[in-house]
N, C-alpha and C. Protein backbone atom coordinates (compact mmCIF):
# COMPACT_ATOMS: atom_id res chain seq x y z
N MET A 1 5.26 -8.09 -50.76
CA MET A 1 4.59 -9.05 -49.88
C MET A 1 3.70 -8.28 -48.90
N SER A 2 2.47 -8.71 -48.81
CA SER A 2 1.52 -8.03 -47.92
C SER A 2 1.26 -8.92 -46.71
N THR A 3 1.04 -8.28 -45.61
CA THR A 3 0.74 -9.01 -44.37
C THR A 3 -0.71 -8.78 -44.01
N VAL A 4 -1.29 -9.79 -43.38
CA VAL A 4 -2.68 -9.71 -42.96
C VAL A 4 -2.71 -9.34 -41.49
N ALA A 5 -3.31 -8.22 -41.20
CA ALA A 5 -3.38 -7.76 -39.81
C ALA A 5 -4.44 -8.56 -39.06
N THR A 6 -4.13 -8.88 -37.82
CA THR A 6 -5.08 -9.61 -37.00
C THR A 6 -6.14 -8.67 -36.48
N PRO A 7 -7.39 -8.98 -36.67
CA PRO A 7 -8.46 -8.10 -36.18
C PRO A 7 -8.38 -7.94 -34.67
N PRO A 8 -8.68 -6.74 -34.18
CA PRO A 8 -8.65 -6.55 -32.72
C PRO A 8 -9.61 -7.47 -31.99
N GLU A 9 -10.72 -7.84 -32.64
CA GLU A 9 -11.68 -8.71 -31.98
C GLU A 9 -11.11 -10.08 -31.69
N ALA A 10 -10.13 -10.52 -32.49
CA ALA A 10 -9.57 -11.85 -32.30
C ALA A 10 -8.64 -11.92 -31.12
N THR A 11 -8.00 -10.79 -30.78
CA THR A 11 -7.04 -10.79 -29.67
C THR A 11 -7.68 -10.40 -28.35
N GLN A 12 -8.85 -9.78 -28.38
CA GLN A 12 -9.46 -9.30 -27.15
C GLN A 12 -9.81 -10.42 -26.18
N PRO A 13 -10.44 -11.54 -26.63
CA PRO A 13 -10.73 -12.61 -25.68
C PRO A 13 -9.49 -13.19 -25.03
N THR A 14 -8.41 -13.32 -25.82
CA THR A 14 -7.16 -13.86 -25.27
C THR A 14 -6.60 -12.93 -24.21
N THR A 15 -6.64 -11.61 -24.48
CA THR A 15 -6.13 -10.64 -23.51
C THR A 15 -6.95 -10.67 -22.23
N SER A 16 -8.27 -10.76 -22.35
CA SER A 16 -9.13 -10.81 -21.17
C SER A 16 -8.87 -12.07 -20.36
N ALA A 17 -8.70 -13.20 -21.05
CA ALA A 17 -8.43 -14.46 -20.35
C ALA A 17 -7.09 -14.39 -19.62
N THR A 18 -6.10 -13.77 -20.25
CA THR A 18 -4.79 -13.65 -19.61
C THR A 18 -4.86 -12.76 -18.38
N ALA A 19 -5.59 -11.64 -18.49
CA ALA A 19 -5.73 -10.73 -17.35
C ALA A 19 -6.44 -11.42 -16.19
N THR A 20 -7.48 -12.19 -16.50
CA THR A 20 -8.20 -12.92 -15.46
C THR A 20 -7.31 -13.96 -14.81
N SER A 21 -6.55 -14.68 -15.64
CA SER A 21 -5.64 -15.69 -15.11
C SER A 21 -4.58 -15.07 -14.20
N ASN A 22 -4.05 -13.91 -14.62
CA ASN A 22 -3.05 -13.23 -13.80
C ASN A 22 -3.65 -12.74 -12.49
N LEU A 23 -4.90 -12.26 -12.54
CA LEU A 23 -5.56 -11.79 -11.32
C LEU A 23 -5.77 -12.94 -10.34
N VAL A 24 -6.21 -14.08 -10.85
CA VAL A 24 -6.41 -15.25 -9.99
C VAL A 24 -5.09 -15.72 -9.39
N ARG A 25 -4.06 -15.75 -10.22
CA ARG A 25 -2.74 -16.18 -9.73
C ARG A 25 -2.20 -15.24 -8.66
N ASP A 26 -2.29 -13.93 -8.91
CA ASP A 26 -1.78 -12.96 -7.94
C ASP A 26 -2.59 -12.99 -6.65
N THR A 27 -3.91 -13.15 -6.78
CA THR A 27 -4.75 -13.22 -5.59
C THR A 27 -4.38 -14.42 -4.74
N TYR A 28 -4.17 -15.57 -5.38
CA TYR A 28 -3.78 -16.76 -4.62
C TYR A 28 -2.41 -16.58 -3.97
N THR A 29 -1.50 -15.91 -4.66
CA THR A 29 -0.17 -15.69 -4.08
C THR A 29 -0.25 -14.83 -2.83
N VAL A 30 -1.03 -13.76 -2.89
CA VAL A 30 -1.19 -12.89 -1.73
C VAL A 30 -1.93 -13.63 -0.62
N PHE A 31 -2.95 -14.40 -0.99
CA PHE A 31 -3.69 -15.18 0.00
C PHE A 31 -2.78 -16.18 0.71
N ALA A 32 -1.96 -16.89 -0.06
CA ALA A 32 -1.07 -17.89 0.54
C ALA A 32 -0.07 -17.23 1.48
N ARG A 33 0.45 -16.08 1.10
CA ARG A 33 1.39 -15.38 1.97
C ARG A 33 0.71 -14.92 3.26
N ALA A 34 -0.48 -14.32 3.13
CA ALA A 34 -1.19 -13.84 4.30
C ALA A 34 -1.56 -14.98 5.24
N MET A 35 -2.03 -16.09 4.68
CA MET A 35 -2.40 -17.23 5.50
C MET A 35 -1.17 -17.84 6.17
N ARG A 36 -0.06 -17.91 5.44
CA ARG A 36 1.16 -18.46 6.01
C ARG A 36 1.66 -17.60 7.17
N MET A 37 1.59 -16.27 7.01
CA MET A 37 2.02 -15.39 8.09
C MET A 37 1.13 -15.54 9.32
N SER A 38 -0.16 -15.75 9.11
CA SER A 38 -1.08 -15.93 10.24
C SER A 38 -0.82 -17.25 10.96
N LEU A 39 -0.60 -18.31 10.19
CA LEU A 39 -0.40 -19.63 10.79
C LEU A 39 0.93 -19.73 11.53
N ARG A 40 1.87 -18.87 11.18
CA ARG A 40 3.16 -18.88 11.87
C ARG A 40 3.08 -18.23 13.24
N ASN A 41 1.96 -17.58 13.54
CA ASN A 41 1.79 -16.91 14.83
C ASN A 41 0.98 -17.82 15.75
N PRO A 42 1.61 -18.49 16.70
CA PRO A 42 0.88 -19.43 17.56
C PRO A 42 -0.25 -18.77 18.34
N ALA A 43 -0.02 -17.55 18.81
CA ALA A 43 -1.05 -16.86 19.59
C ALA A 43 -2.29 -16.63 18.74
N TRP A 44 -2.09 -16.20 17.50
CA TRP A 44 -3.23 -15.98 16.60
C TRP A 44 -3.98 -17.28 16.35
N LEU A 45 -3.24 -18.35 16.14
CA LEU A 45 -3.86 -19.63 15.84
C LEU A 45 -4.70 -20.13 17.02
N VAL A 46 -4.16 -20.03 18.23
CA VAL A 46 -4.89 -20.51 19.40
C VAL A 46 -6.11 -19.65 19.68
N ILE A 47 -5.94 -18.34 19.61
CA ILE A 47 -7.07 -17.44 19.92
C ILE A 47 -8.17 -17.59 18.88
N SER A 48 -7.83 -17.69 17.61
CA SER A 48 -8.85 -17.80 16.56
C SER A 48 -9.65 -19.09 16.68
N LEU A 49 -9.02 -20.16 17.18
CA LEU A 49 -9.73 -21.43 17.33
C LEU A 49 -10.52 -21.50 18.64
N LEU A 50 -9.98 -20.88 19.70
CA LEU A 50 -10.67 -20.93 20.99
C LEU A 50 -11.81 -19.93 21.10
N GLN A 51 -11.76 -18.87 20.30
CA GLN A 51 -12.77 -17.82 20.42
C GLN A 51 -14.20 -18.34 20.26
N PRO A 52 -14.53 -19.08 19.20
CA PRO A 52 -15.91 -19.57 19.09
C PRO A 52 -16.29 -20.55 20.19
N ILE A 53 -15.33 -21.35 20.66
CA ILE A 53 -15.63 -22.29 21.74
C ILE A 53 -15.94 -21.55 23.03
N LEU A 54 -15.18 -20.49 23.31
CA LEU A 54 -15.44 -19.70 24.52
C LEU A 54 -16.79 -19.00 24.43
N TYR A 55 -17.14 -18.51 23.26
CA TYR A 55 -18.45 -17.87 23.09
C TYR A 55 -19.58 -18.84 23.45
N ILE A 56 -19.46 -20.04 22.94
CA ILE A 56 -20.53 -21.03 23.15
C ILE A 56 -20.61 -21.47 24.61
N THR A 57 -19.48 -21.84 25.17
CA THR A 57 -19.49 -22.43 26.52
C THR A 57 -19.72 -21.42 27.63
N LEU A 58 -19.29 -20.17 27.43
CA LEU A 58 -19.41 -19.18 28.50
C LEU A 58 -20.72 -18.40 28.45
N PHE A 59 -21.16 -18.01 27.26
CA PHE A 59 -22.31 -17.13 27.15
C PHE A 59 -23.60 -17.87 26.81
N GLY A 60 -23.50 -19.05 26.21
CA GLY A 60 -24.71 -19.78 25.86
C GLY A 60 -25.61 -20.10 27.03
N PRO A 61 -25.10 -20.65 28.13
CA PRO A 61 -25.97 -20.98 29.28
C PRO A 61 -26.64 -19.77 29.91
N LEU A 62 -26.09 -18.58 29.72
CA LEU A 62 -26.68 -17.38 30.33
C LEU A 62 -27.96 -16.95 29.62
N LEU A 63 -28.22 -17.48 28.45
CA LEU A 63 -29.38 -17.06 27.66
C LEU A 63 -30.55 -18.02 27.75
N THR A 64 -30.52 -18.95 28.70
CA THR A 64 -31.58 -19.95 28.79
C THR A 64 -32.94 -19.31 29.06
N SER A 65 -33.00 -18.40 30.01
CA SER A 65 -34.28 -17.75 30.34
C SER A 65 -34.79 -16.91 29.18
N ASP A 66 -33.89 -16.21 28.49
CA ASP A 66 -34.31 -15.41 27.35
C ASP A 66 -34.82 -16.28 26.21
N ALA A 67 -34.21 -17.44 26.04
CA ALA A 67 -34.65 -18.35 24.98
C ALA A 67 -36.07 -18.85 25.24
N VAL A 68 -36.38 -19.10 26.50
CA VAL A 68 -37.74 -19.55 26.84
C VAL A 68 -38.76 -18.47 26.52
N GLN A 69 -38.43 -17.22 26.83
CA GLN A 69 -39.33 -16.11 26.54
C GLN A 69 -39.54 -15.93 25.04
N LEU A 70 -38.51 -16.24 24.26
CA LEU A 70 -38.61 -16.10 22.81
C LEU A 70 -39.28 -17.31 22.16
N GLY A 71 -39.58 -18.34 22.95
CA GLY A 71 -40.25 -19.51 22.41
C GLY A 71 -39.32 -20.55 21.84
N ALA A 72 -38.03 -20.41 22.08
CA ALA A 72 -37.05 -21.39 21.59
C ALA A 72 -36.84 -22.46 22.66
N GLY A 73 -36.77 -23.69 22.24
CA GLY A 73 -36.59 -24.78 23.19
C GLY A 73 -35.19 -24.83 23.77
N ASN A 74 -34.22 -24.24 23.07
CA ASN A 74 -32.84 -24.30 23.51
C ASN A 74 -32.21 -22.94 23.27
N ALA A 75 -31.36 -22.50 24.20
CA ALA A 75 -30.74 -21.18 24.07
C ALA A 75 -29.85 -21.09 22.84
N TYR A 76 -29.27 -22.20 22.46
CA TYR A 76 -28.34 -22.19 21.33
C TYR A 76 -29.05 -22.01 20.00
N GLN A 77 -30.37 -22.28 19.96
CA GLN A 77 -31.13 -22.03 18.74
C GLN A 77 -31.18 -20.54 18.43
N VAL A 78 -31.10 -19.72 19.46
CA VAL A 78 -31.12 -18.26 19.28
C VAL A 78 -29.71 -17.68 19.30
N PHE A 79 -28.88 -18.22 20.17
CA PHE A 79 -27.55 -17.65 20.38
C PHE A 79 -26.61 -17.89 19.21
N VAL A 80 -26.61 -19.08 18.66
CA VAL A 80 -25.65 -19.43 17.61
C VAL A 80 -25.85 -18.60 16.34
N PRO A 81 -27.07 -18.45 15.81
CA PRO A 81 -27.21 -17.59 14.62
C PRO A 81 -26.76 -16.15 14.87
N GLY A 82 -27.10 -15.62 16.05
CA GLY A 82 -26.69 -14.25 16.36
C GLY A 82 -25.19 -14.10 16.47
N ILE A 83 -24.53 -15.06 17.12
CA ILE A 83 -23.09 -14.96 17.29
C ILE A 83 -22.36 -15.19 15.97
N LEU A 84 -22.97 -15.96 15.07
CA LEU A 84 -22.37 -16.15 13.74
C LEU A 84 -22.39 -14.86 12.94
N VAL A 85 -23.51 -14.15 12.98
CA VAL A 85 -23.59 -12.87 12.27
C VAL A 85 -22.63 -11.86 12.90
N GLN A 86 -22.59 -11.84 14.23
CA GLN A 86 -21.66 -10.93 14.90
C GLN A 86 -20.21 -11.26 14.55
N LEU A 87 -19.91 -12.54 14.45
CA LEU A 87 -18.57 -12.96 14.08
C LEU A 87 -18.23 -12.50 12.67
N GLY A 88 -19.18 -12.60 11.76
CA GLY A 88 -18.94 -12.17 10.39
C GLY A 88 -18.71 -10.68 10.26
N ILE A 89 -19.39 -9.90 11.11
CA ILE A 89 -19.25 -8.44 11.02
C ILE A 89 -18.00 -7.96 11.75
N PHE A 90 -17.93 -8.26 13.04
CA PHE A 90 -16.86 -7.69 13.86
C PHE A 90 -15.54 -8.44 13.69
N GLY A 91 -15.62 -9.69 13.25
CA GLY A 91 -14.38 -10.40 12.98
C GLY A 91 -13.62 -9.85 11.79
N ALA A 92 -14.34 -9.15 10.91
CA ALA A 92 -13.71 -8.59 9.72
C ALA A 92 -13.42 -7.10 9.83
N LEU A 93 -14.09 -6.42 10.75
CA LEU A 93 -13.93 -4.97 10.84
C LEU A 93 -12.54 -4.55 11.33
N PHE A 94 -11.89 -5.41 12.10
CA PHE A 94 -10.63 -5.03 12.73
C PHE A 94 -9.40 -5.50 11.98
N VAL A 95 -9.58 -6.07 10.80
CA VAL A 95 -8.42 -6.57 10.05
C VAL A 95 -7.56 -5.43 9.52
N GLY A 96 -8.12 -4.23 9.48
CA GLY A 96 -7.35 -3.10 8.98
C GLY A 96 -6.14 -2.76 9.82
N PHE A 97 -6.16 -3.15 11.11
CA PHE A 97 -5.00 -2.87 11.95
C PHE A 97 -3.75 -3.58 11.42
N GLY A 98 -3.95 -4.81 10.93
CA GLY A 98 -2.81 -5.53 10.37
C GLY A 98 -2.27 -4.87 9.12
N LEU A 99 -3.17 -4.31 8.31
CA LEU A 99 -2.73 -3.62 7.09
C LEU A 99 -1.97 -2.34 7.43
N ILE A 100 -2.41 -1.64 8.46
CA ILE A 100 -1.68 -0.44 8.87
C ILE A 100 -0.27 -0.80 9.34
N ALA A 101 -0.15 -1.90 10.08
CA ALA A 101 1.18 -2.34 10.52
C ALA A 101 2.07 -2.69 9.33
N GLU A 102 1.50 -3.37 8.33
CA GLU A 102 2.27 -3.70 7.14
C GLU A 102 2.64 -2.45 6.35
N TYR A 103 1.75 -1.49 6.32
CA TYR A 103 2.05 -0.24 5.62
C TYR A 103 3.21 0.49 6.30
N ARG A 104 3.19 0.51 7.63
CA ARG A 104 4.26 1.19 8.36
C ARG A 104 5.60 0.46 8.20
N ALA A 105 5.55 -0.86 8.06
CA ALA A 105 6.78 -1.64 7.89
C ALA A 105 7.30 -1.61 6.46
N GLY A 106 6.56 -1.01 5.54
CA GLY A 106 7.02 -0.91 4.15
C GLY A 106 6.62 -2.08 3.28
N VAL A 107 5.81 -3.01 3.83
CA VAL A 107 5.41 -4.18 3.06
C VAL A 107 4.50 -3.78 1.90
N ILE A 108 3.57 -2.88 2.15
CA ILE A 108 2.62 -2.48 1.12
C ILE A 108 3.34 -1.79 -0.04
N GLU A 109 4.27 -0.91 0.28
CA GLU A 109 5.01 -0.22 -0.78
C GLU A 109 5.85 -1.21 -1.59
N SER A 110 6.40 -2.22 -0.92
CA SER A 110 7.18 -3.23 -1.64
C SER A 110 6.30 -4.04 -2.59
N GLN A 111 5.08 -4.32 -2.17
CA GLN A 111 4.17 -5.08 -3.02
C GLN A 111 3.62 -4.24 -4.17
N ARG A 112 3.50 -2.95 -3.96
CA ARG A 112 2.94 -2.09 -5.01
C ARG A 112 3.87 -1.94 -6.20
N VAL A 113 5.17 -2.14 -6.01
CA VAL A 113 6.10 -2.02 -7.13
C VAL A 113 6.25 -3.32 -7.90
N THR A 114 5.59 -4.38 -7.44
CA THR A 114 5.62 -5.66 -8.15
C THR A 114 4.60 -5.63 -9.28
N PRO A 115 4.70 -6.58 -10.22
CA PRO A 115 3.72 -6.61 -11.32
C PRO A 115 2.33 -7.07 -10.89
N ALA A 116 2.17 -7.44 -9.62
CA ALA A 116 0.87 -7.94 -9.15
C ALA A 116 -0.19 -6.85 -9.24
N SER A 117 -1.39 -7.27 -9.53
CA SER A 117 -2.51 -6.34 -9.63
C SER A 117 -2.81 -5.73 -8.27
N ARG A 118 -3.16 -4.43 -8.27
CA ARG A 118 -3.53 -3.77 -7.02
C ARG A 118 -4.79 -4.44 -6.44
N THR A 119 -5.67 -4.86 -7.31
CA THR A 119 -6.88 -5.54 -6.85
C THR A 119 -6.54 -6.85 -6.15
N ALA A 120 -5.58 -7.58 -6.72
CA ALA A 120 -5.19 -8.86 -6.12
C ALA A 120 -4.55 -8.68 -4.76
N LEU A 121 -3.86 -7.56 -4.54
CA LEU A 121 -3.23 -7.32 -3.26
C LEU A 121 -4.25 -7.23 -2.13
N LEU A 122 -5.43 -6.72 -2.44
CA LEU A 122 -6.49 -6.67 -1.44
C LEU A 122 -7.36 -7.92 -1.45
N LEU A 123 -7.63 -8.45 -2.63
CA LEU A 123 -8.47 -9.64 -2.72
C LEU A 123 -7.86 -10.82 -1.97
N GLY A 124 -6.55 -10.97 -2.07
CA GLY A 124 -5.88 -12.06 -1.37
C GLY A 124 -6.05 -11.96 0.13
N ARG A 125 -5.94 -10.75 0.66
CA ARG A 125 -6.12 -10.56 2.10
C ARG A 125 -7.57 -10.78 2.51
N VAL A 126 -8.50 -10.29 1.70
CA VAL A 126 -9.92 -10.49 2.01
C VAL A 126 -10.26 -11.97 1.98
N LEU A 127 -9.70 -12.71 1.02
CA LEU A 127 -9.95 -14.15 0.94
C LEU A 127 -9.43 -14.86 2.18
N ARG A 128 -8.27 -14.45 2.67
CA ARG A 128 -7.74 -15.02 3.92
C ARG A 128 -8.70 -14.79 5.08
N ASP A 129 -9.22 -13.57 5.17
CA ASP A 129 -10.14 -13.24 6.27
C ASP A 129 -11.43 -14.05 6.16
N VAL A 130 -11.93 -14.26 4.95
CA VAL A 130 -13.15 -15.04 4.76
C VAL A 130 -12.92 -16.49 5.16
N VAL A 131 -11.79 -17.05 4.79
CA VAL A 131 -11.48 -18.43 5.16
C VAL A 131 -11.41 -18.58 6.68
N VAL A 132 -10.79 -17.62 7.35
CA VAL A 132 -10.70 -17.67 8.81
C VAL A 132 -12.09 -17.63 9.43
N LEU A 133 -12.96 -16.76 8.92
CA LEU A 133 -14.32 -16.66 9.45
C LEU A 133 -15.10 -17.94 9.23
N LEU A 134 -14.93 -18.56 8.06
CA LEU A 134 -15.63 -19.81 7.78
C LEU A 134 -15.16 -20.94 8.70
N VAL A 135 -13.87 -20.98 8.98
CA VAL A 135 -13.35 -22.00 9.89
C VAL A 135 -13.90 -21.77 11.30
N GLN A 136 -13.91 -20.52 11.75
CA GLN A 136 -14.44 -20.22 13.07
C GLN A 136 -15.94 -20.52 13.14
N GLY A 137 -16.68 -20.15 12.10
CA GLY A 137 -18.11 -20.42 12.09
C GLY A 137 -18.43 -21.90 12.08
N THR A 138 -17.69 -22.66 11.30
CA THR A 138 -17.89 -24.11 11.26
C THR A 138 -17.58 -24.74 12.61
N LEU A 139 -16.49 -24.31 13.22
CA LEU A 139 -16.13 -24.84 14.55
C LEU A 139 -17.19 -24.48 15.58
N LEU A 140 -17.72 -23.26 15.49
CA LEU A 140 -18.76 -22.83 16.44
C LEU A 140 -20.00 -23.70 16.32
N VAL A 141 -20.42 -24.00 15.09
CA VAL A 141 -21.59 -24.85 14.88
C VAL A 141 -21.34 -26.27 15.38
N LEU A 142 -20.16 -26.80 15.10
CA LEU A 142 -19.84 -28.16 15.53
C LEU A 142 -19.83 -28.28 17.05
N VAL A 143 -19.34 -27.25 17.74
CA VAL A 143 -19.32 -27.28 19.20
C VAL A 143 -20.74 -27.14 19.76
N ALA A 144 -21.59 -26.37 19.06
CA ALA A 144 -22.95 -26.13 19.56
C ALA A 144 -23.87 -27.33 19.36
N ILE A 145 -23.58 -28.20 18.41
CA ILE A 145 -24.47 -29.35 18.14
C ILE A 145 -24.59 -30.26 19.35
N PRO A 146 -23.51 -30.68 20.01
CA PRO A 146 -23.68 -31.52 21.21
C PRO A 146 -24.39 -30.81 22.36
N LEU A 147 -24.39 -29.48 22.33
CA LEU A 147 -25.02 -28.72 23.40
C LEU A 147 -26.51 -28.48 23.17
N GLY A 148 -27.01 -28.92 22.02
CA GLY A 148 -28.44 -28.81 21.80
C GLY A 148 -28.86 -28.08 20.54
N LEU A 149 -27.92 -27.58 19.75
CA LEU A 149 -28.29 -26.88 18.52
C LEU A 149 -28.85 -27.87 17.51
N ARG A 150 -30.00 -27.53 16.95
CA ARG A 150 -30.62 -28.34 15.91
C ARG A 150 -30.97 -27.43 14.74
N ALA A 151 -30.37 -27.69 13.61
CA ALA A 151 -30.60 -26.86 12.43
C ALA A 151 -30.43 -27.71 11.19
N PRO A 152 -31.21 -27.43 10.13
CA PRO A 152 -31.05 -28.18 8.88
C PRO A 152 -29.71 -27.86 8.24
N VAL A 153 -29.18 -28.84 7.52
CA VAL A 153 -27.88 -28.67 6.89
C VAL A 153 -27.91 -27.51 5.90
N ALA A 154 -29.00 -27.40 5.14
CA ALA A 154 -29.11 -26.30 4.17
C ALA A 154 -29.08 -24.95 4.87
N GLY A 155 -29.74 -24.87 6.04
CA GLY A 155 -29.73 -23.62 6.79
C GLY A 155 -28.35 -23.25 7.29
N VAL A 156 -27.61 -24.26 7.75
CA VAL A 156 -26.24 -24.01 8.23
C VAL A 156 -25.36 -23.54 7.08
N LEU A 157 -25.46 -24.19 5.93
CA LEU A 157 -24.65 -23.81 4.78
C LEU A 157 -24.99 -22.39 4.31
N LEU A 158 -26.29 -22.07 4.30
CA LEU A 158 -26.70 -20.72 3.90
C LEU A 158 -26.17 -19.68 4.88
N THR A 159 -26.17 -20.01 6.16
CA THR A 159 -25.63 -19.09 7.16
C THR A 159 -24.14 -18.86 6.95
N LEU A 160 -23.40 -19.92 6.63
CA LEU A 160 -21.97 -19.77 6.37
C LEU A 160 -21.72 -18.92 5.13
N VAL A 161 -22.58 -19.04 4.13
CA VAL A 161 -22.45 -18.19 2.94
C VAL A 161 -22.67 -16.72 3.32
N VAL A 162 -23.69 -16.48 4.16
CA VAL A 162 -23.95 -15.11 4.61
C VAL A 162 -22.76 -14.56 5.39
N ILE A 163 -22.16 -15.41 6.24
CA ILE A 163 -20.98 -14.98 7.00
C ILE A 163 -19.84 -14.62 6.05
N ALA A 164 -19.64 -15.44 5.02
CA ALA A 164 -18.57 -15.17 4.06
C ALA A 164 -18.80 -13.84 3.34
N LEU A 165 -20.05 -13.57 2.95
CA LEU A 165 -20.36 -12.31 2.26
C LEU A 165 -20.18 -11.12 3.20
N LEU A 166 -20.67 -11.25 4.44
CA LEU A 166 -20.49 -10.18 5.41
C LEU A 166 -19.00 -9.94 5.70
N GLY A 167 -18.26 -11.03 5.86
CA GLY A 167 -16.84 -10.90 6.13
C GLY A 167 -16.09 -10.23 4.99
N ALA A 168 -16.41 -10.60 3.76
CA ALA A 168 -15.76 -9.99 2.60
C ALA A 168 -16.09 -8.51 2.50
N ALA A 169 -17.36 -8.15 2.75
CA ALA A 169 -17.77 -6.75 2.67
C ALA A 169 -17.10 -5.90 3.74
N PHE A 170 -17.15 -6.36 4.98
CA PHE A 170 -16.61 -5.55 6.07
C PHE A 170 -15.08 -5.57 6.09
N ALA A 171 -14.47 -6.64 5.64
CA ALA A 171 -13.01 -6.64 5.53
C ALA A 171 -12.55 -5.65 4.46
N SER A 172 -13.29 -5.58 3.36
CA SER A 172 -12.95 -4.61 2.31
C SER A 172 -13.08 -3.18 2.82
N VAL A 173 -14.15 -2.92 3.57
CA VAL A 173 -14.33 -1.59 4.15
C VAL A 173 -13.20 -1.28 5.13
N SER A 174 -12.83 -2.26 5.94
CA SER A 174 -11.77 -2.06 6.92
C SER A 174 -10.44 -1.76 6.23
N TYR A 175 -10.12 -2.49 5.19
CA TYR A 175 -8.88 -2.24 4.45
C TYR A 175 -8.90 -0.88 3.78
N ALA A 176 -10.05 -0.50 3.22
CA ALA A 176 -10.15 0.81 2.57
C ALA A 176 -9.93 1.94 3.57
N LEU A 177 -10.53 1.81 4.75
CA LEU A 177 -10.34 2.82 5.78
C LEU A 177 -8.90 2.85 6.28
N ALA A 178 -8.30 1.67 6.41
CA ALA A 178 -6.91 1.60 6.88
C ALA A 178 -5.97 2.27 5.89
N LEU A 179 -6.19 2.04 4.60
CA LEU A 179 -5.33 2.66 3.58
C LEU A 179 -5.56 4.17 3.52
N THR A 180 -6.75 4.60 3.87
CA THR A 180 -7.04 6.03 3.85
C THR A 180 -6.46 6.75 5.07
N LEU A 181 -6.63 6.15 6.25
CA LEU A 181 -6.20 6.80 7.49
C LEU A 181 -4.73 6.58 7.79
N LYS A 182 -4.27 5.33 7.57
CA LYS A 182 -2.85 4.98 7.76
C LYS A 182 -2.36 5.21 9.20
N SER A 183 -3.26 5.18 10.16
CA SER A 183 -2.87 5.41 11.55
C SER A 183 -3.87 4.73 12.47
N GLU A 184 -3.34 3.99 13.45
CA GLU A 184 -4.22 3.36 14.43
C GLU A 184 -4.94 4.40 15.29
N ASP A 185 -4.30 5.56 15.51
CA ASP A 185 -4.89 6.59 16.34
C ASP A 185 -6.19 7.13 15.74
N ALA A 186 -6.30 7.11 14.44
CA ALA A 186 -7.53 7.57 13.78
C ALA A 186 -8.46 6.40 13.47
N PHE A 187 -7.87 5.23 13.21
CA PHE A 187 -8.66 4.07 12.81
C PHE A 187 -9.47 3.51 13.98
N ALA A 188 -8.86 3.42 15.16
CA ALA A 188 -9.55 2.83 16.32
C ALA A 188 -10.77 3.64 16.74
N PRO A 189 -10.67 4.96 16.90
CA PRO A 189 -11.88 5.72 17.27
C PRO A 189 -13.00 5.62 16.23
N LEU A 190 -12.63 5.56 14.96
CA LEU A 190 -13.64 5.43 13.92
C LEU A 190 -14.38 4.11 14.04
N LEU A 191 -13.64 3.02 14.29
CA LEU A 191 -14.29 1.73 14.47
C LEU A 191 -15.18 1.71 15.70
N ASN A 192 -14.70 2.32 16.78
CA ASN A 192 -15.52 2.37 18.00
C ASN A 192 -16.82 3.15 17.76
N ALA A 193 -16.75 4.18 16.95
CA ALA A 193 -17.94 4.96 16.66
C ALA A 193 -18.96 4.15 15.87
N VAL A 194 -18.48 3.14 15.13
CA VAL A 194 -19.38 2.30 14.34
C VAL A 194 -19.84 1.08 15.15
N VAL A 195 -18.91 0.49 15.90
CA VAL A 195 -19.20 -0.78 16.58
C VAL A 195 -20.13 -0.59 17.77
N LEU A 196 -19.88 0.41 18.60
CA LEU A 196 -20.67 0.58 19.82
C LEU A 196 -22.16 0.79 19.54
N PRO A 197 -22.55 1.63 18.60
CA PRO A 197 -24.00 1.77 18.33
C PRO A 197 -24.63 0.47 17.83
N VAL A 198 -23.85 -0.36 17.14
CA VAL A 198 -24.40 -1.63 16.65
C VAL A 198 -24.58 -2.61 17.80
N LEU A 199 -23.67 -2.60 18.77
CA LEU A 199 -23.74 -3.54 19.88
C LEU A 199 -24.79 -3.16 20.92
N LEU A 200 -25.04 -1.87 21.11
CA LEU A 200 -25.92 -1.43 22.19
C LEU A 200 -27.36 -1.94 22.05
N PRO A 201 -27.99 -1.95 20.86
CA PRO A 201 -29.36 -2.47 20.78
C PRO A 201 -29.43 -3.91 21.22
C-alpha cells in the first residue's frame, strides 16, 4: 500500500494562517492584561483623563496673543494640534519605566517561558499605549470644541491616526531601550537627553 504525501505548498497557507491567528490571540491577551492592570489603578485612571483637560484649560488661554500674531482667530486652533503631537510623542516615550518595573518583578521572565509569541508580548503593550493616547486625544479635542476649536472631522480623524502612529513608534522605542538598559538609572537620563532638546525649540 502506497501513501500519497501532501505537498509542502498545500500546508504552508494553513501554517501561516495558524501563526497569524496565534499572534493576534496572544497580542489581545497581553493587551487585555495590560489594560486591566492600568484600569485597576485609580491614580493612573484619574491622571490620564485629567491630563488633557488640564492642558487645555490652563495653558490654552496663555497663547491668545501668540495666536493673533500667527494669524489664527483662536488660540486653540494652534494649541490643540501641537499638544496632540506632543501627547503622541512624550506620552509614549516614558512607558518603558513600567516595563522595567515588570522586568524587576519577574513578570517578563514568567511571560517569556509561555508559548506566547515574543512579538505579541510587546505588541499587546504597544496596543494598550495607543488606545490610551487615542482616548486622551479624543477627550482633548472634545474639551477644546466648546472653547473655540473649529476643525473638519476628516482633519481630526487624520490627526488621531498620526497620534496612533507616533505613539506606536515611540512606545516601541521606549520598550526596546527599557529591555536593553533594564535600569531606571540609565533609562531616565537617556530620555532626558532626547526630550529636552525637542522641547527647547
